[in-house]
Amino acid sequence: MSIRVAIKHKSVYQFDRSVFLSPHIFRLKPAPHCRTIIESYALTISPDTHYINWQQDPFGNYQTRVVFTAPTENLTVDVDLVAKMTEFNPFDFFIEDCAEHYPFNYNPQLRKELTLFLEITEYGQFLSTWLKGVDRSQQNLIDFLVNLNRRIWEDISHTVRMEQGIQSCEETLEKQSGSCRDSSWLFVQILRHLGLAARFVSGYLIQLVSNQDSFADPEAPKEDFTDLHAWCEVYVPGAGWIGLDPTSGLLAGEGHIPLACVSDPVSAAVVTGYTDPCETEFTYTNSIKRLSNDLQR
């Protein structure tokens, strides 16, 4: 069974005066490697006094460069997409013999190609203490990754944090709480400290109400839901990039739609640009609608 859903994501920036906008970069189109089928996609930007160039960043993610040609008192960004939600097994992948068990070493050429995703930028007492608690004896790699993911889920309470930026690993571990982007960046750095290439992912999360009795799982969504989300991916020889979501403690599935997969979270910002000095009121909505259920043949 496949479920087709429509997502509408609208962002509005209302300025208190007429301002000039710099060229803006938007990262709001599903990445080429997205496993969920995207049947249609549209990006609408107003005011219409602009022109658009579609690009791909150094990591292969789609990005939209928009040049505005006149001053404006507002900026509106509308994303409309239709996704075909077909359940898949997130464990359905092949692993090279050399990587079936942790620890393992990437071959020299692959390690060179993964350099940016092995870069360690965070250190500290809390991070060091957390890493000391990791069992580094030889073990099945997937079990190792699943246990790490679940441990972060257990240790870090999820919170909605509206402030810009990402907490340092030390701050997240000290508070024992953080947003999805905070826990995901923490996981990226933990994986790199353990010798595994990892990248930060920004995207949409879709959660649909199950047809089964939700009382069996109190954490199951009570209504269909979508919003911007963050998780991480680890590179495993043979399997490629495997998505891990420390906010849920699970592997990424058909409800995870990546928009930007990067070595540094700065490069995953939904929008990059600036305006003349002004006061800005920002509002956004994210809605989801079921279109149909398709029986697979």
C-alpha atoms as a PDB file:
ATOM      1  CA  MET A   1       0.000   0.000   0.000  1.00  0.00           C
ATOM      2  CA  SER A   2       1.256   3.464  -0.936  1.00  0.00           C
ATOM      3  CA  ILE A   3      -0.164   6.691   0.454  1.00  0.00           C
ATOM      4  CA  ARG A   4       0.100   9.862  -1.629  1.00  0.00           C
ATOM      5  CA  VAL A   5       0.361  13.045   0.417  1.00  0.00           C
ATOM      6  CA  ALA A   6       0.574  16.728  -0.442  1.00  0.00           C
ATOM      7  CA  ILE A   7       2.799  19.013   1.613  1.00  0.00           C
ATOM      8  CA  LYS A   8       2.388  22.768   1.641  1.00  0.00           C
ATOM      9  CA  HIS A   9       5.167  24.719   3.352  1.00  0.00           C
ATOM     10  CA  LYS A  10       4.743  28.512   3.443  1.00  0.00           C
ATOM     11  CA  SER A  11       7.170  31.039   4.942  1.00  0.00           C
ATOM     12  CA  VAL A  12       6.398  34.755   5.186  1.00  0.00           C
ATOM     13  CA  TYR A  13       8.855  37.522   6.075  1.00  0.00           C
ATOM     14  CA  GLN A  14       7.084  40.838   6.728  1.00  0.00           C
ATOM     15  CA  PHE A  15       9.396  43.862   6.896  1.00  0.00           C
ATOM     16  CA  ASP A  16       8.518  47.154   8.621  1.00  0.00           C
ATOM     17  CA  ARG A  17       9.724  49.139   5.627  1.00  0.00           C
ATOM     18  CA  SER A  18      10.629  48.694   1.992  1.00  0.00           C
ATOM     19  CA  VAL A  19      14.037  47.018   1.788  1.00  0.00           C
ATOM     20  CA  PHE A  20      16.452  45.662  -0.785  1.00  0.00           C
ATOM     21  CA  LEU A  21      17.188  41.928  -0.590  1.00  0.00           C
ATOM     22  CA  SER A  22      20.560  40.399  -1.329  1.00  0.00           C
ATOM     23  CA  PRO A  23      20.697  37.323  -3.568  1.00  0.00           C
ATOM     24  CA  HIS A  24      19.181  34.498  -1.502  1.00  0.00           C
ATOM     25  CA  ILE A  25      19.897  30.765  -1.496  1.00  0.00           C
ATOM     26  CA  PHE A  26      16.954  28.473  -0.694  1.00  0.00           C
ATOM     27  CA  ARG A  27      17.446  24.780   0.127  1.00  0.00           C
ATOM     28  CA  LEU A  28      13.914  23.477  -0.144  1.00  0.00           C
ATOM     29  CA  LYS A  29      13.955  20.873  -2.925  1.00  0.00           C
ATOM     30  CA  PRO A  30      14.241  17.158  -2.059  1.00  0.00           C
ATOM     31  CA  ALA A  31      17.780  15.869  -2.583  1.00  0.00           C
ATOM     32  CA  PRO A  32      18.538  13.616  -5.596  1.00  0.00           C
ATOM     33  CA  HIS A  33      19.071  10.546  -3.399  1.00  0.00           C
ATOM     34  CA  CYS A  34      15.698  10.865  -1.613  1.00  0.00           C
ATOM     35  CA  ARG A  35      14.237   7.344  -1.396  1.00  0.00           C
ATOM     36  CA  THR A  36      10.644   8.585  -1.149  1.00  0.00           C
ATOM     37  CA  ILE A  37       9.158   9.178  -4.594  1.00  0.00           C
ATOM     38  CA  ILE A  38       8.416  12.874  -5.207  1.00  0.00           C
ATOM     39  CA  GLU A  39       5.672  12.989  -7.835  1.00  0.00           C
ATOM     40  CA  SER A  40       5.511  16.773  -8.187  1.00  0.00           C
ATOM     41  CA  TYR A  41       7.293  19.816  -6.812  1.00  0.00           C
ATOM     42  CA  ALA A  42       6.765  23.579  -7.103  1.00  0.00           C
ATOM     43  CA  LEU A  43       8.551  26.525  -5.517  1.00  0.00           C
ATOM     44  CA  THR A  44       6.819  29.922  -5.685  1.00  0.00           C
ATOM     45  CA  ILE A  45       8.498  33.098  -4.467  1.00  0.00           C
ATOM     46  CA  SER A  46       7.027  36.562  -4.207  1.00  0.00           C
ATOM     47  CA  PRO A  47       7.478  39.396  -4.951  1.00  0.00           C
ATOM     48  CA  ASP A  48       7.774  38.389  -8.586  1.00  0.00           C
ATOM     49  CA  THR A  49      10.477  40.986  -9.254  1.00  0.00           C
ATOM     50  CA  HIS A  50      13.215  38.377  -9.257  1.00  0.00           C
ATOM     51  CA  TYR A  51      14.911  35.759 -11.351  1.00  0.00           C
ATOM     52  CA  ILE A  52      15.913  32.229 -10.379  1.00  0.00           C
ATOM     53  CA  ASN A  53      18.890  29.980 -11.041  1.00  0.00           C
ATOM     54  CA  TRP A  54      18.712  26.315 -10.046  1.00  0.00           C
ATOM     55  CA  GLN A  55      22.046  24.965  -8.838  1.00  0.00           C
ATOM     56  CA  GLN A  56      23.634  22.023  -7.055  1.00  0.00           C
ATOM     57  CA  ASP A  57      26.024  22.553  -4.161  1.00  0.00           C
ATOM     58  CA  PRO A  58      29.358  20.681  -3.808  1.00  0.00           C
ATOM     59  CA  PHE A  59      27.512  17.797  -2.126  1.00  0.00           C
ATOM     60  CA  GLY A  60      24.986  17.384  -4.938  1.00  0.00           C
ATOM     61  CA  ASN A  61      22.038  18.963  -3.085  1.00  0.00           C
ATOM     62  CA  TYR A  62      19.630  21.154  -5.034  1.00  0.00           C
ATOM     63  CA  GLN A  63      19.594  24.826  -4.174  1.00  0.00           C
ATOM     64  CA  THR A  64      17.783  27.829  -5.609  1.00  0.00           C
ATOM     65  CA  ARG A  65      19.599  31.139  -6.075  1.00  0.00           C
ATOM     66  CA  VAL A  66      17.156  34.037  -6.264  1.00  0.00           C
ATOM     67  CA  VAL A  67      18.187  37.561  -7.296  1.00  0.00           C
ATOM     68  CA  PHE A  68      15.681  40.292  -6.400  1.00  0.00           C
ATOM     69  CA  THR A  69      15.523  43.311  -8.690  1.00  0.00           C
ATOM     70  CA  ALA A  70      13.360  45.741  -6.687  1.00  0.00           C
ATOM     71  CA  PRO A  71      12.765  46.687  -3.051  1.00  0.00           C
ATOM     72  CA  THR A  72       9.918  44.989  -1.197  1.00  0.00           C
ATOM     73  CA  GLU A  73       8.021  45.042   2.098  1.00  0.00           C
ATOM     74  CA  ASN A  74       7.612  41.276   2.260  1.00  0.00           C
ATOM     75  CA  LEU A  75       9.006  37.962   1.065  1.00  0.00           C
ATOM     76  CA  THR A  76       6.873  34.846   0.691  1.00  0.00           C
ATOM     77  CA  VAL A  77       8.200  31.370  -0.077  1.00  0.00           C
ATOM     78  CA  ASP A  78       5.742  28.590  -0.959  1.00  0.00           C
ATOM     79  CA  VAL A  79       6.681  24.937  -1.401  1.00  0.00           C
ATOM     80  CA  ASP A  80       4.126  22.478  -2.773  1.00  0.00           C
ATOM     81  CA  LEU A  81       5.069  18.844  -3.249  1.00  0.00           C
ATOM     82  CA  VAL A  82       3.361  15.503  -3.635  1.00  0.00           C
ATOM     83  CA  ALA A  83       5.110  12.458  -2.180  1.00  0.00           C
ATOM     84  CA  LYS A  84       4.290   8.791  -2.641  1.00  0.00           C
ATOM     85  CA  MET A  85       4.768   7.178   0.744  1.00  0.00           C
ATOM     86  CA  THR A  86       5.726   3.564   0.158  1.00  0.00           C
ATOM     87  CA  GLU A  87       7.035   1.756   3.212  1.00  0.00           C
ATOM     88  CA  PHE A  88      10.519   0.284   2.865  1.00  0.00           C
ATOM     89  CA  ASN A  89      12.815  -1.698   5.118  1.00  0.00           C
ATOM     90  CA  PRO A  90      15.542   0.707   6.345  1.00  0.00           C
ATOM     91  CA  PHE A  91      17.785  -2.312   7.038  1.00  0.00           C
ATOM     92  CA  ASP A  92      17.614  -3.526   3.431  1.00  0.00           C
ATOM     93  CA  PHE A  93      21.193  -2.869   2.325  1.00  0.00           C
ATOM     94  CA  PHE A  94      24.431  -4.699   1.598  1.00  0.00           C
ATOM     95  CA  ILE A  95      27.612  -4.195   3.619  1.00  0.00           C
ATOM     96  CA  GLU A  96      31.101  -4.999   2.365  1.00  0.00           C
ATOM     97  CA  ASP A  97      32.837  -7.787   4.287  1.00  0.00           C
ATOM     98  CA  CYS A  98      35.467  -5.339   5.551  1.00  0.00           C
ATOM     99  CA  ALA A  99      32.814  -3.266   7.338  1.00  0.00           C
ATOM    100  CA  GLU A 100      30.525  -5.901   8.813  1.00  0.00           C
ATOM    101  CA  HIS A 101      32.033  -5.371  12.243  1.00  0.00           C
ATOM    102  CA  TYR A 102      33.076  -2.300  14.203  1.00  0.00           C
ATOM    103  CA  PRO A 103      35.780  -1.104  14.331  1.00  0.00           C
ATOM    104  CA  PHE A 104      36.894  -1.083  10.698  1.00  0.00           C
ATOM    105  CA  ASN A 105      39.029   1.156   8.500  1.00  0.00           C
ATOM    106  CA  TYR A 106      37.987   2.864   5.277  1.00  0.00           C
ATOM    107  CA  ASN A 107      40.367   2.071   2.434  1.00  0.00           C
ATOM    108  CA  PRO A 108      42.807   4.959   1.694  1.00  0.00           C
ATOM    109  CA  GLN A 109      41.009   6.220  -1.423  1.00  0.00           C
ATOM    110  CA  LEU A 110      37.577   6.163   0.209  1.00  0.00           C
ATOM    111  CA  ARG A 111      38.938   7.820   3.334  1.00  0.00           C
ATOM    112  CA  LYS A 112      40.351  10.601   1.168  1.00  0.00           C
ATOM    113  CA  GLU A 113      36.964  11.107  -0.492  1.00  0.00           C
ATOM    114  CA  LEU A 114      35.248  11.210   2.915  1.00  0.00           C
ATOM    115  CA  THR A 115      37.693  13.707   4.467  1.00  0.00           C
ATOM    116  CA  LEU A 116      35.135  16.450   5.178  1.00  0.00           C
ATOM    117  CA  PHE A 117      32.783  13.933   6.792  1.00  0.00           C
ATOM    118  CA  LEU A 118      35.497  12.737   9.169  1.00  0.00           C
ATOM    119  CA  GLU A 119      36.417  16.222  10.412  1.00  0.00           C
ATOM    120  CA  ILE A 120      36.186  16.554  14.199  1.00  0.00           C
ATOM    121  CA  THR A 121      35.443  20.096  15.379  1.00  0.00           C
ATOM    122  CA  GLU A 122      34.030  19.555  18.875  1.00  0.00           C
ATOM    123  CA  TYR A 123      35.801  18.491  22.056  1.00  0.00           C
ATOM    124  CA  GLY A 124      35.150  18.847  25.752  1.00  0.00           C
ATOM    125  CA  GLN A 125      34.699  17.169  29.111  1.00  0.00           C
ATOM    126  CA  PHE A 126      31.078  16.097  28.633  1.00  0.00           C
ATOM    127  CA  LEU A 127      31.726  14.738  25.149  1.00  0.00           C
ATOM    128  CA  SER A 128      34.845  12.904  26.321  1.00  0.00           C
ATOM    129  CA  THR A 129      32.942  11.325  29.210  1.00  0.00           C
ATOM    130  CA  TRP A 130      30.112  10.228  26.907  1.00  0.00           C
ATOM    131  CA  LEU A 131      32.577   8.652  24.476  1.00  0.00           C
ATOM    132  CA  LYS A 132      34.300   6.736  27.275  1.00  0.00           C
ATOM    133  CA  GLY A 133      31.014   4.930  27.818  1.00  0.00           C
ATOM    134  CA  VAL A 134      30.993   3.518  24.265  1.00  0.00           C
ATOM    135  CA  ASP A 135      31.804  -0.178  23.941  1.00  0.00           C
ATOM    136  CA  ARG A 136      34.511  -0.256  21.240  1.00  0.00           C
ATOM    137  CA  SER A 137      35.090  -3.991  21.261  1.00  0.00           C
ATOM    138  CA  GLN A 138      34.547  -5.872  18.001  1.00  0.00           C
ATOM    139  CA  GLN A 139      30.821  -6.204  17.305  1.00  0.00           C
ATOM    140  CA  ASN A 140      28.262  -6.220  14.517  1.00  0.00           C
ATOM    141  CA  LEU A 141      28.332  -2.768  12.916  1.00  0.00           C
ATOM    142  CA  ILE A 142      24.562  -2.341  12.587  1.00  0.00           C
ATOM    143  CA  ASP A 143      24.023  -3.338  16.214  1.00  0.00           C
ATOM    144  CA  PHE A 144      26.719  -0.830  17.168  1.00  0.00           C
ATOM    145  CA  LEU A 145      25.033   2.006  15.221  1.00  0.00           C
ATOM    146  CA  VAL A 146      21.548   1.169  16.459  1.00  0.00           C
ATOM    147  CA  ASN A 147      22.747   1.148  20.072  1.00  0.00           C
ATOM    148  CA  LEU A 148      24.523   4.488  19.673  1.00  0.00           C
ATOM    149  CA  ASN A 149      21.421   6.052  18.127  1.00  0.00           C
ATOM    150  CA  ARG A 150      19.217   4.721  20.888  1.00  0.00           C
ATOM    151  CA  ARG A 151      21.614   5.895  23.597  1.00  0.00           C
ATOM    152  CA  ILE A 152      21.480   9.487  22.303  1.00  0.00           C
ATOM    153  CA  TRP A 153      17.685   9.238  22.160  1.00  0.00           C
ATOM    154  CA  GLU A 154      17.677   8.108  25.783  1.00  0.00           C
ATOM    155  CA  ASP A 155      20.234  10.677  26.999  1.00  0.00           C
ATOM    156  CA  ILE A 156      18.998  13.809  25.187  1.00  0.00           C
ATOM    157  CA  SER A 157      15.453  15.024  25.770  1.00  0.00           C
ATOM    158  CA  HIS A 158      13.913  16.527  22.658  1.00  0.00           C
ATOM    159  CA  THR A 159      12.805  20.147  22.858  1.00  0.00           C
ATOM    160  CA  VAL A 160      11.511  22.673  20.340  1.00  0.00           C
ATOM    161  CA  ARG A 161      14.053  25.473  20.227  1.00  0.00           C
ATOM    162  CA  MET A 162      13.228  28.547  18.118  1.00  0.00           C
ATOM    163  CA  GLU A 163      16.613  30.232  18.526  1.00  0.00           C
ATOM    164  CA  GLN A 164      18.870  30.232  15.502  1.00  0.00           C
ATOM    165  CA  GLY A 165      21.991  28.111  15.269  1.00  0.00           C
ATOM    166  CA  ILE A 166      23.033  24.830  16.804  1.00  0.00           C
ATOM    167  CA  GLN A 167      24.159  24.145  20.343  1.00  0.00           C
ATOM    168  CA  SER A 168      27.668  22.910  20.891  1.00  0.00           C
ATOM    169  CA  CYS A 169      27.984  19.237  21.806  1.00  0.00           C
ATOM    170  CA  GLU A 170      29.066  20.273  25.295  1.00  0.00           C
ATOM    171  CA  GLU A 171      25.956  22.398  25.776  1.00  0.00           C
ATOM    172  CA  THR A 172      23.628  19.654  24.528  1.00  0.00           C
ATOM    173  CA  LEU A 173      25.232  17.035  26.780  1.00  0.00           C
ATOM    174  CA  GLU A 174      25.330  19.342  29.809  1.00  0.00           C
ATOM    175  CA  LYS A 175      21.660  20.306  29.421  1.00  0.00           C
ATOM    176  CA  GLN A 176      20.723  16.776  28.395  1.00  0.00           C
ATOM    177  CA  SER A 177      18.256  18.370  25.992  1.00  0.00           C
ATOM    178  CA  GLY A 178      18.189  19.924  22.555  1.00  0.00           C
ATOM    179  CA  SER A 179      16.316  20.310  19.304  1.00  0.00           C
ATOM    180  CA  CYS A 180      16.515  17.745  16.510  1.00  0.00           C
ATOM    181  CA  ARG A 181      19.371  19.708  14.916  1.00  0.00           C
ATOM    182  CA  ASP A 182      21.279  19.775  18.239  1.00  0.00           C
ATOM    183  CA  SER A 183      21.081  16.028  18.847  1.00  0.00           C
ATOM    184  CA  SER A 184      21.835  15.293  15.180  1.00  0.00           C
ATOM    185  CA  TRP A 185      24.984  17.417  15.181  1.00  0.00           C
ATOM    186  CA  LEU A 186      26.009  15.750  18.451  1.00  0.00           C
ATOM    187  CA  PHE A 187      25.577  12.355  16.775  1.00  0.00           C
ATOM    188  CA  VAL A 188      27.611  13.457  13.742  1.00  0.00           C
ATOM    189  CA  GLN A 189      30.510  14.466  15.956  1.00  0.00           C
ATOM    190  CA  ILE A 190      30.262  11.287  18.061  1.00  0.00           C
ATOM    191  CA  LEU A 191      30.402   9.127  14.936  1.00  0.00           C
ATOM    192  CA  ARG A 192      33.445  11.029  13.660  1.00  0.00           C
ATOM    193  CA  HIS A 193      35.216  10.634  17.003  1.00  0.00           C
ATOM    194  CA  LEU A 194      34.599   6.901  16.582  1.00  0.00           C
ATOM    195  CA  GLY A 195      36.210   6.898  13.135  1.00  0.00           C
ATOM    196  CA  LEU A 196      32.995   6.829  11.089  1.00  0.00           C
ATOM    197  CA  ALA A 197      32.182   9.309   8.326  1.00  0.00           C
ATOM    198  CA  ALA A 198      28.958  11.172   9.083  1.00  0.00           C
ATOM    199  CA  ARG A 199      26.986  14.076   7.667  1.00  0.00           C
ATOM    200  CA  PHE A 200      24.222  16.391   8.879  1.00  0.00           C
ATOM    201  CA  VAL A 201      20.828  16.216   7.166  1.00  0.00           C
ATOM    202  CA  SER A 202      18.076  18.823   7.001  1.00  0.00           C
ATOM    203  CA  GLY A 203      14.718  17.880   5.532  1.00  0.00           C
ATOM    204  CA  TYR A 204      11.017  17.247   5.980  1.00  0.00           C
ATOM    205  CA  LEU A 205       9.641  14.676   8.405  1.00  0.00           C
ATOM    206  CA  ILE A 206       6.260  13.138   7.578  1.00  0.00           C
ATOM    207  CA  GLN A 207       4.418  11.186  10.259  1.00  0.00           C
ATOM    208  CA  LEU A 208       1.082   9.582   9.407  1.00  0.00           C
ATOM    209  CA  VAL A 209      -1.498   8.230  11.803  1.00  0.00           C
ATOM    210  CA  SER A 210      -1.412   4.460  11.838  1.00  0.00           C
ATOM    211  CA  ASN A 211      -4.488   2.460  10.921  1.00  0.00           C
ATOM    212  CA  GLN A 212      -3.747   0.333  13.966  1.00  0.00           C
ATOM    213  CA  ASP A 213      -4.779   1.192  17.508  1.00  0.00           C
ATOM    214  CA  SER A 214      -2.510   4.059  18.625  1.00  0.00           C
ATOM    215  CA  PHE A 215      -3.009   3.161  22.314  1.00  0.00           C
ATOM    216  CA  ALA A 216      -0.382   0.447  21.806  1.00  0.00           C
ATOM    217  CA  ASP A 217       2.180   3.188  21.181  1.00  0.00           C
ATOM    218  CA  PRO A 218       1.601   6.378  23.220  1.00  0.00           C
ATOM    219  CA  GLU A 219       4.261   8.203  21.188  1.00  0.00           C
ATOM    220  CA  ALA A 220       2.543   7.508  17.858  1.00  0.00           C
ATOM    221  CA  PRO A 221       1.157  10.638  16.146  1.00  0.00           C
ATOM    222  CA  LYS A 222      -2.527  11.344  16.796  1.00  0.00           C
ATOM    223  CA  GLU A 223      -2.900  13.160  13.463  1.00  0.00           C
ATOM    224  CA  ASP A 224      -0.944  13.404  10.208  1.00  0.00           C
ATOM    225  CA  PHE A 225       2.008  15.714  10.681  1.00  0.00           C
ATOM    226  CA  THR A 226       4.897  17.283   8.780  1.00  0.00           C
ATOM    227  CA  ASP A 227       7.600  19.790   9.653  1.00  0.00           C
ATOM    228  CA  LEU A 228      11.221  20.619   9.024  1.00  0.00           C
ATOM    229  CA  HIS A 229      13.500  18.152  10.782  1.00  0.00           C
ATOM    230  CA  ALA A 230      17.153  17.159  11.129  1.00  0.00           C
ATOM    231  CA  TRP A 231      18.906  13.809  11.381  1.00  0.00           C
ATOM    232  CA  CYS A 232      22.276  12.365  10.360  1.00  0.00           C
ATOM    233  CA  GLU A 233      23.733   9.838   7.954  1.00  0.00           C
ATOM    234  CA  VAL A 234      26.738   7.549   8.371  1.00  0.00           C
ATOM    235  CA  TYR A 235      28.747   6.144   5.469  1.00  0.00           C
ATOM    236  CA  VAL A 236      29.077   2.350   5.421  1.00  0.00           C
ATOM    237  CA  PRO A 237      31.036   0.651   2.595  1.00  0.00           C
ATOM    238  CA  GLY A 238      28.609  -1.271   0.415  1.00  0.00           C
ATOM    239  CA  ALA A 239      25.489   0.311   1.922  1.00  0.00           C
ATOM    240  CA  GLY A 240      26.442   3.939   1.284  1.00  0.00           C
ATOM    241  CA  TRP A 241      24.802   6.616   3.420  1.00  0.00           C
ATOM    242  CA  ILE A 242      22.498   5.226   6.141  1.00  0.00           C
ATOM    243  CA  GLY A 243      20.074   7.622   7.844  1.00  0.00           C
ATOM    244  CA  LEU A 244      19.866   7.642  11.651  1.00  0.00           C
ATOM    245  CA  ASP A 245      17.413   9.807  13.583  1.00  0.00           C
ATOM    246  CA  PRO A 246      18.489  10.363  17.216  1.00  0.00           C
ATOM    247  CA  THR A 247      15.263  12.247  17.951  1.00  0.00           C
ATOM    248  CA  SER A 248      13.320   8.976  17.621  1.00  0.00           C
ATOM    249  CA  GLY A 249      16.157   6.488  18.131  1.00  0.00           C
ATOM    250  CA  LEU A 250      15.238   4.859  14.799  1.00  0.00           C
ATOM    251  CA  LEU A 251      16.678   4.578  11.308  1.00  0.00           C
ATOM    252  CA  ALA A 252      15.387   7.053   8.725  1.00  0.00           C
ATOM    253  CA  GLY A 253      12.452   5.735   6.720  1.00  0.00           C
ATOM    254  CA  GLU A 254      10.026   6.783   4.009  1.00  0.00           C
ATOM    255  CA  GLY A 255       8.862   9.720   6.152  1.00  0.00           C
ATOM    256  CA  HIS A 256      12.312  11.338   6.036  1.00  0.00           C
ATOM    257  CA  ILE A 257      12.676  13.563   2.958  1.00  0.00           C
ATOM    258  CA  PRO A 258      16.204  15.045   2.813  1.00  0.00           C
ATOM    259  CA  LEU A 259      16.701  18.571   1.484  1.00  0.00           C
ATOM    260  CA  ALA A 260      20.396  19.094   2.252  1.00  0.00           C
ATOM    261  CA  CYS A 261      23.068  16.588   3.337  1.00  0.00           C
ATOM    262  CA  VAL A 262      26.259  18.407   4.320  1.00  0.00           C
ATOM    263  CA  SER A 263      29.474  18.176   6.296  1.00  0.00           C
ATOM    264  CA  ASP A 264      28.655  21.316   8.334  1.00  0.00           C
ATOM    265  CA  PRO A 265      25.143  22.397   9.445  1.00  0.00           C
ATOM    266  CA  VAL A 266      25.801  25.959   8.253  1.00  0.00           C
ATOM    267  CA  SER A 267      25.541  24.686   4.688  1.00  0.00           C
ATOM    268  CA  ALA A 268      22.097  23.174   5.369  1.00  0.00           C
ATOM    269  CA  ALA A 269      20.313  26.408   6.325  1.00  0.00           C
ATOM    270  CA  VAL A 270      16.895  26.569   4.655  1.00  0.00           C
ATOM    271  CA  VAL A 271      17.590  30.143   3.528  1.00  0.00           C
ATOM    272  CA  THR A 272      20.745  32.234   3.311  1.00  0.00           C
ATOM    273  CA  GLY A 273      20.646  35.956   2.544  1.00  0.00           C
ATOM    274  CA  TYR A 274      20.264  39.397   4.095  1.00  0.00           C
ATOM    275  CA  THR A 275      18.244  42.597   3.829  1.00  0.00           C
ATOM    276  CA  ASP A 276      18.664  46.273   4.519  1.00  0.00           C
ATOM    277  CA  PRO A 277      18.357  47.055   8.269  1.00  0.00           C
ATOM    278  CA  CYS A 278      14.737  46.541   9.350  1.00  0.00           C
ATOM    279  CA  GLU A 279      12.422  44.823  11.802  1.00  0.00           C
ATOM    280  CA  THR A 280      11.129  41.468  10.530  1.00  0.00           C
ATOM    281  CA  GLU A 281       8.084  39.439  11.502  1.00  0.00           C
ATOM    282  CA  PHE A 282       8.441  35.796  10.473  1.00  0.00           C
ATOM    283  CA  THR A 283       5.577  33.311  10.229  1.00  0.00           C
ATOM    284  CA  TYR A 284       5.340  29.885   8.650  1.00  0.00           C
ATOM    285  CA  THR A 285       2.916  27.027   8.185  1.00  0.00           C
ATOM    286  CA  ASN A 286       3.512  23.364   7.340  1.00  0.00           C
ATOM    287  CA  SER A 287       0.484  21.297   6.392  1.00  0.00           C
ATOM    288  CA  ILE A 288      -0.122  17.824   4.979  1.00  0.00           C
ATOM    289  CA  LYS A 289      -3.085  16.294   3.173  1.00  0.00           C
ATOM    290  CA  ARG A 290      -3.691  12.711   2.108  1.00  0.00           C
ATOM    291  CA  LEU A 291      -4.590  12.408  -1.567  1.00  0.00           C
ATOM    292  CA  SER A 292      -5.132   8.688  -2.115  1.00  0.00           C
ATOM    293  CA  ASN A 293      -4.054   5.188  -1.235  1.00  0.00           C
ATOM    294  CA  ASP A 294      -2.609   3.159  -4.119  1.00  0.00           C
ATOM    295  CA  LEU A 295      -2.576  -0.613  -3.958  1.00  0.00           C
ATOM    296  CA  GLN A 296       0.783  -1.909  -5.163  1.00  0.00           C
ATOM    297  CA  ARG A 297       0.658  -4.657  -7.765  1.00  0.00           C
END
